[in-house]
Each structure stands twice: as C-alpha cells, then as structure tokens.
N, C-alpha and C. Protein backbone atom coordinates (compact mmCIF):
# COMPACT_ATOMS: atom_id res chain seq x y z
N MET A 1 -24.33 20.01 19.44
CA MET A 1 -25.87 19.71 19.17
C MET A 1 -25.96 21.03 18.45
N ILE A 2 -27.20 20.75 18.40
CA ILE A 2 -27.99 21.75 17.27
C ILE A 2 -29.85 22.24 17.99
N LEU A 3 -29.42 23.42 18.97
CA LEU A 3 -30.79 23.44 19.39
C LEU A 3 -31.82 24.66 18.96
N PHE A 4 -33.14 24.54 18.36
CA PHE A 4 -34.69 24.75 17.59
C PHE A 4 -35.03 25.80 19.15
N ASN A 5 -35.58 26.36 18.54
CA ASN A 5 -36.42 27.43 19.02
C ASN A 5 -36.23 28.17 20.24
N ALA A 6 -35.00 28.21 20.61
CA ALA A 6 -34.31 28.31 21.67
C ALA A 6 -32.32 29.29 21.02
N PRO A 7 -32.55 30.21 21.29
CA PRO A 7 -32.95 31.97 22.34
C PRO A 7 -34.34 31.96 21.55
N ILE A 8 -34.70 32.30 20.04
CA ILE A 8 -35.06 32.65 19.32
C ILE A 8 -36.43 31.35 19.03
N GLN A 9 -37.67 32.05 18.79
CA GLN A 9 -38.97 30.57 19.50
C GLN A 9 -39.07 31.09 17.75
N PHE A 10 -40.26 29.65 17.42
CA PHE A 10 -40.01 30.07 16.16
C PHE A 10 -41.06 29.17 15.87
N ASP A 11 -42.38 28.79 15.40
CA ASP A 11 -43.56 28.25 15.02
C ASP A 11 -43.05 26.41 14.87
N ASP A 12 -42.29 26.59 13.29
CA ASP A 12 -42.09 25.44 12.72
C ASP A 12 -40.66 25.48 12.88
N HIS A 13 -40.29 25.02 14.72
CA HIS A 13 -39.05 24.79 14.47
C HIS A 13 -38.60 23.31 14.49
N THR A 14 -40.23 22.52 14.68
CA THR A 14 -39.91 20.55 14.18
C THR A 14 -39.35 20.56 13.02
N GLN A 15 -40.47 21.52 11.78
CA GLN A 15 -39.36 21.37 10.66
C GLN A 15 -38.77 21.96 10.06
N ARG A 16 -37.95 22.75 10.83
CA ARG A 16 -36.59 23.52 10.43
C ARG A 16 -35.73 22.02 11.00
N ALA A 17 -35.48 21.61 11.79
CA ALA A 17 -35.69 21.03 12.51
C ALA A 17 -34.68 19.94 11.00
N VAL A 18 -35.87 19.36 10.89
CA VAL A 18 -36.23 18.03 9.90
C VAL A 18 -35.39 18.14 8.93
N LYS A 19 -36.05 19.13 8.50
CA LYS A 19 -35.37 19.89 7.10
C LYS A 19 -34.03 20.31 6.96
N MET A 20 -33.30 20.78 8.38
CA MET A 20 -31.43 20.30 8.07
C MET A 20 -31.12 19.43 8.44
N ALA A 21 -31.46 18.82 9.03
CA ALA A 21 -30.86 17.18 9.46
C ALA A 21 -31.30 16.52 8.14
N VAL A 22 -32.47 16.33 7.34
CA VAL A 22 -32.56 15.51 6.01
C VAL A 22 -31.12 16.65 4.89
N GLU A 23 -31.48 17.82 4.57
CA GLU A 23 -30.30 19.09 4.04
C GLU A 23 -28.98 18.06 4.51
N MET A 24 -28.69 18.10 5.56
CA MET A 24 -26.77 17.72 6.20
C MET A 24 -26.84 15.89 5.40
N ARG A 25 -28.32 14.88 5.86
CA ARG A 25 -27.55 13.83 4.83
C ARG A 25 -27.49 13.90 3.83
N ASP A 26 -28.28 14.41 2.76
CA ASP A 26 -28.04 14.49 1.55
C ASP A 26 -26.63 14.62 1.48
N THR A 27 -26.72 15.99 1.81
CA THR A 27 -24.32 16.22 1.17
C THR A 27 -23.11 15.54 1.49
N ILE A 28 -23.51 15.20 3.03
CA ILE A 28 -23.00 13.62 3.38
C ILE A 28 -23.04 12.11 2.59
N GLY A 29 -24.22 12.10 2.11
CA GLY A 29 -24.35 10.83 1.19
C GLY A 29 -23.44 11.20 0.14
N ALA A 30 -24.07 12.78 -0.45
CA ALA A 30 -23.36 12.44 -1.86
C ALA A 30 -21.56 13.57 -1.69
N LEU A 31 -21.18 13.51 -0.35
CA LEU A 31 -19.76 13.18 -0.66
C LEU A 31 -19.46 11.84 -0.20
N THR A 32 -19.66 10.88 0.31
CA THR A 32 -19.48 9.79 0.50
C THR A 32 -18.93 9.33 -1.21
N GLN A 33 -19.71 9.63 -1.91
CA GLN A 33 -20.06 8.88 -2.85
C GLN A 33 -18.56 9.66 -3.95
N LYS A 34 -18.13 10.72 -3.21
CA LYS A 34 -16.86 11.41 -3.90
C LYS A 34 -15.66 10.38 -3.47
N TRP A 35 -15.67 10.37 -2.21
CA TRP A 35 -14.82 10.70 -1.75
C TRP A 35 -14.05 9.02 -1.47
N PRO A 36 -12.41 8.18 -1.75
CA PRO A 36 -12.08 6.77 -1.48
C PRO A 36 -13.27 6.41 -0.35
N GLN A 37 -13.03 5.35 -0.59
CA GLN A 37 -13.80 4.30 0.58
C GLN A 37 -12.53 3.08 0.94
N THR A 38 -12.06 2.75 1.21
CA THR A 38 -11.80 1.97 1.72
C THR A 38 -11.55 1.11 2.92
N ALA A 39 -11.04 -0.53 3.08
CA ALA A 39 -12.37 -1.65 3.85
C ALA A 39 -12.03 -0.65 5.15
N ALA A 40 -10.65 -0.19 5.53
CA ALA A 40 -10.84 0.23 7.09
C ALA A 40 -11.48 0.98 7.43
N HIS A 41 -12.15 2.21 6.41
CA HIS A 41 -12.22 3.86 6.90
C HIS A 41 -13.54 4.09 5.97
N SER A 42 -14.95 4.32 6.37
CA SER A 42 -15.86 4.92 5.98
C SER A 42 -16.69 6.06 6.52
N LEU A 43 -16.92 6.56 5.86
CA LEU A 43 -17.68 7.66 6.97
C LEU A 43 -18.69 7.83 7.11
N GLY A 44 -19.14 7.94 8.21
CA GLY A 44 -21.06 7.37 8.60
C GLY A 44 -21.47 9.08 9.95
N PHE A 45 -22.79 9.08 9.23
CA PHE A 45 -23.47 10.19 9.36
C PHE A 45 -24.65 9.82 10.48
N GLY A 46 -25.11 10.04 11.45
CA GLY A 46 -25.83 10.10 11.75
C GLY A 46 -26.57 10.88 12.46
N VAL A 47 -28.02 11.77 12.96
CA VAL A 47 -28.16 12.70 13.30
C VAL A 47 -29.78 11.75 13.85
N GLY A 48 -30.35 12.80 15.21
CA GLY A 48 -31.04 12.83 16.01
C GLY A 48 -31.50 13.53 16.44
N ILE A 49 -32.98 13.29 16.75
CA ILE A 49 -33.74 14.63 16.82
C ILE A 49 -35.26 14.40 17.55
N ALA A 50 -35.08 14.65 18.73
CA ALA A 50 -35.94 15.28 19.44
C ALA A 50 -36.54 15.85 20.02
N LEU A 51 -37.90 16.13 20.84
CA LEU A 51 -38.55 17.35 21.03
C LEU A 51 -38.63 17.66 22.40
N GLY A 52 -38.46 17.97 23.45
CA GLY A 52 -38.96 18.52 24.60
C GLY A 52 -38.42 19.30 25.10
N TYR A 53 -38.51 19.54 26.86
CA TYR A 53 -37.97 20.36 27.47
C TYR A 53 -36.11 20.26 27.94
N ALA A 54 -35.57 21.73 27.80
CA ALA A 54 -34.14 21.60 28.63
C ALA A 54 -34.03 22.98 29.31
N THR A 55 -33.92 22.70 30.25
CA THR A 55 -32.82 24.03 31.00
C THR A 55 -32.25 24.41 30.05
N LEU A 56 -32.16 26.14 29.77
CA LEU A 56 -30.68 27.03 27.94
C LEU A 56 -30.15 27.38 29.46
N GLY A 57 -28.70 28.02 29.10
CA GLY A 57 -28.09 29.32 29.73
C GLY A 57 -27.03 29.08 29.89
N GLN A 58 -25.73 29.77 31.00
CA GLN A 58 -24.70 29.85 30.36
C GLN A 58 -24.26 28.86 32.08
N ILE A 59 -23.33 27.80 31.82
CA ILE A 59 -23.36 26.94 33.04
C ILE A 59 -21.27 27.23 32.89
N GLY A 60 -21.61 27.40 34.30
CA GLY A 60 -19.55 26.81 34.35
C GLY A 60 -18.85 27.98 35.17
N PHE A 61 -18.49 28.48 34.96
CA PHE A 61 -17.35 29.53 35.97
C PHE A 61 -17.35 30.74 34.86
N GLU A 62 -16.25 32.05 35.52
CA GLU A 62 -16.15 33.22 35.44
C GLU A 62 -15.54 32.55 34.26
N GLN A 63 -13.74 32.09 34.34
CA GLN A 63 -13.52 31.78 33.15
C GLN A 63 -13.88 30.51 32.24
N ARG A 64 -14.69 30.23 32.82
CA ARG A 64 -15.02 29.16 31.59
C ARG A 64 -16.69 29.25 31.33
N LEU A 65 -17.77 29.44 30.50
CA LEU A 65 -19.43 29.58 30.53
C LEU A 65 -18.82 29.29 29.08
N GLU A 66 -20.09 27.74 28.96
CA GLU A 66 -20.56 27.57 27.76
C GLU A 66 -22.27 28.49 28.28
N TYR A 67 -22.51 27.70 26.97
CA TYR A 67 -24.33 27.86 26.38
C TYR A 67 -25.01 26.50 26.62
N ALA A 68 -25.62 26.06 27.17
CA ALA A 68 -25.90 24.72 27.41
C ALA A 68 -27.41 24.46 28.32
N ALA A 69 -27.60 22.99 27.50
CA ALA A 69 -29.11 22.81 27.82
C ALA A 69 -29.21 21.43 28.75
N ILE A 70 -30.06 21.32 29.59
CA ILE A 70 -29.38 21.06 30.20
C ILE A 70 -31.81 19.63 30.53
N GLY A 71 -30.89 18.50 30.11
CA GLY A 71 -32.76 17.68 30.25
C GLY A 71 -32.79 16.41 29.90
N SER A 72 -33.90 15.78 29.69
CA SER A 72 -34.22 14.35 29.10
C SER A 72 -33.91 14.53 28.23
N VAL A 73 -34.63 15.57 27.05
CA VAL A 73 -34.49 15.62 25.73
C VAL A 73 -33.38 14.96 25.07
N ASN A 74 -31.66 15.71 26.30
CA ASN A 74 -30.46 15.30 25.25
C ASN A 74 -30.24 14.46 25.25
N GLN A 75 -30.46 13.51 26.28
CA GLN A 75 -30.36 11.89 25.75
C GLN A 75 -30.85 11.45 25.67
N THR A 76 -31.83 12.06 24.65
CA THR A 76 -32.81 11.43 23.19
C THR A 76 -32.44 11.22 22.73
N SER A 77 -31.83 12.42 22.21
CA SER A 77 -31.50 13.26 20.59
C SER A 77 -30.75 12.29 20.60
N PRO A 78 -29.41 11.74 20.95
CA PRO A 78 -28.12 11.01 20.50
C PRO A 78 -28.17 9.87 20.34
N ARG A 79 -29.40 9.03 20.96
CA ARG A 79 -30.20 7.49 21.00
C ARG A 79 -30.28 7.24 19.31
N GLY A 80 -30.80 9.16 19.05
CA GLY A 80 -31.20 8.45 17.78
C GLY A 80 -30.17 7.94 16.84
N CYS A 81 -29.33 8.58 16.46
CA CYS A 81 -27.73 7.76 16.32
C CYS A 81 -26.69 7.78 16.32
N ALA A 82 -26.90 6.14 17.49
CA ALA A 82 -25.93 6.26 18.19
C ALA A 82 -25.74 4.68 17.14
N THR A 83 -26.86 4.08 16.53
CA THR A 83 -25.91 2.97 16.53
C THR A 83 -24.99 3.06 15.09
N LYS A 84 -25.61 2.16 14.45
CA LYS A 84 -24.54 2.30 13.00
C LYS A 84 -25.37 3.76 11.79
N PRO A 85 -24.22 4.52 12.64
CA PRO A 85 -24.95 5.99 11.49
C PRO A 85 -24.43 5.27 10.07
N ARG A 86 -24.76 5.68 8.96
CA ARG A 86 -25.49 5.40 7.80
C ARG A 86 -25.47 6.96 6.63
N PRO A 87 -24.55 7.19 5.94
CA PRO A 87 -25.42 8.43 6.10
C PRO A 87 -26.60 8.54 4.81
N THR A 88 -27.50 7.82 4.76
CA THR A 88 -28.49 7.91 4.27
C THR A 88 -29.41 7.46 4.90
N ARG A 89 -29.76 7.68 6.70
CA ARG A 89 -30.43 7.75 8.06
C ARG A 89 -30.48 8.28 8.51
N SER A 90 -31.85 9.05 8.64
CA SER A 90 -31.42 9.73 10.39
C SER A 90 -32.54 9.50 11.08
N SER A 91 -33.38 9.79 12.51
CA SER A 91 -34.12 8.78 12.89
C SER A 91 -34.38 10.34 13.79
N SER A 92 -36.41 10.15 14.64
CA SER A 92 -36.36 10.73 15.12
C SER A 92 -37.03 10.81 16.42
N SER A 93 -38.04 11.19 17.35
CA SER A 93 -38.65 10.24 18.04
C SER A 93 -40.30 10.29 17.03
N GLN A 94 -40.46 10.18 17.91
CA GLN A 94 -42.16 9.32 17.83
C GLN A 94 -43.59 10.62 17.41
N ARG A 95 -42.77 11.55 18.72
CA ARG A 95 -43.54 13.38 18.76
C ARG A 95 -42.91 13.36 17.80
N VAL A 96 -41.66 13.83 16.74
CA VAL A 96 -41.17 15.03 16.48
C VAL A 96 -41.69 13.89 14.62
N TYR A 97 -42.21 12.62 14.28
CA TYR A 97 -42.12 12.01 13.38
C TYR A 97 -43.56 12.38 12.93
N GLY A 98 -44.29 12.38 14.59
CA GLY A 98 -45.81 13.23 14.09
C GLY A 98 -46.40 14.38 13.94
N MET A 99 -45.07 15.26 14.38
CA MET A 99 -45.23 16.45 14.14
C MET A 99 -44.61 17.41 12.27
N VAL A 100 -44.07 16.55 12.10
CA VAL A 100 -43.73 16.99 10.44
C VAL A 100 -44.15 15.50 9.09
N GLU A 101 -44.52 14.39 9.80
CA GLU A 101 -45.12 13.77 8.53
C GLU A 101 -45.76 14.63 7.27
N ALA A 102 -46.88 15.56 8.00
CA ALA A 102 -47.45 15.70 6.58
C ALA A 102 -46.05 16.43 5.59
N VAL A 103 -45.16 16.68 6.32
CA VAL A 103 -44.81 17.68 5.70
C VAL A 103 -43.05 16.89 4.50
N ALA A 104 -43.26 15.60 5.34
CA ALA A 104 -41.67 14.95 5.45
C ALA A 104 -41.90 13.73 4.92
N GLU A 105 -41.21 13.13 4.57
CA GLU A 105 -41.31 11.81 3.85
C GLU A 105 -40.49 11.08 4.96
N GLY A 106 -41.42 10.39 5.28
CA GLY A 106 -40.86 9.02 6.30
C GLY A 106 -41.31 8.04 6.98
N ALA A 107 -40.80 6.68 7.31
CA ALA A 107 -41.18 5.90 8.00
C ALA A 107 -40.71 5.81 9.38
N LEU A 108 -42.12 4.69 9.68
CA LEU A 108 -41.27 4.51 11.91
C LEU A 108 -40.71 3.29 11.60
N ALA A 109 -39.30 3.62 12.51
CA ALA A 109 -38.56 2.55 12.45
C ALA A 109 -39.33 0.96 13.68
N GLY A 110 -39.02 -0.12 13.71
CA GLY A 110 -39.50 -0.28 14.32
C GLY A 110 -39.23 -2.37 14.46
C-alpha cells in the first residue's frame, strides 16, 4: 500500500497517485511483452486507487511497530485490483476519477 498526502500533504495528491499508477502499469505492460509467457504462468498487475480518510500512525508494540493506515479507504482501494489483474488496466473510485478526468485519460467501467 502506498499512501499519498500523508505524512506530507500535497494539493495534487490524487493526480500524483494516478500518475504513478499509470507509469507502473505502462512499465509492467512493457515487461510482460519481453518476458516469456507460458500457459501456466502469466504476469498480472492491478492498481486500485481510492480517496478518503484513514487513521495513520505507528501500530503495534515496542518490539514490532509498523506505520499503518486504518479506515474504510483501505478496504475500497484493493477492490479496484481484486478482479483478474491485467497489465494494461488500473482502476479507481468514481471520486478519484472525477478529480483527475481533466488531466488523465480514462473511462468509467460499469
């Protein structure tokens, strides 16, 4: 999981997240063309982007602390890539799409 806008805030955090997802998708897509594919194995890649509130901080105990995010947005984001991942597809919530549709190419799936 990658968090945008925490701990450092950016006005364009949604655009940054989408840009990174597109660059990752394009890179993986190029790699899948180079790597040999077999009927038993293929490389899939999915990115789910969601926008919302989460509680952030160190969670655990003294011997094992982790920086984590807790909130419903954590459950929404993975759903975007839970379906059969493909190297040419990323998905986002409708809220994210609405915030970046002027600067990113895409379409609502439905």
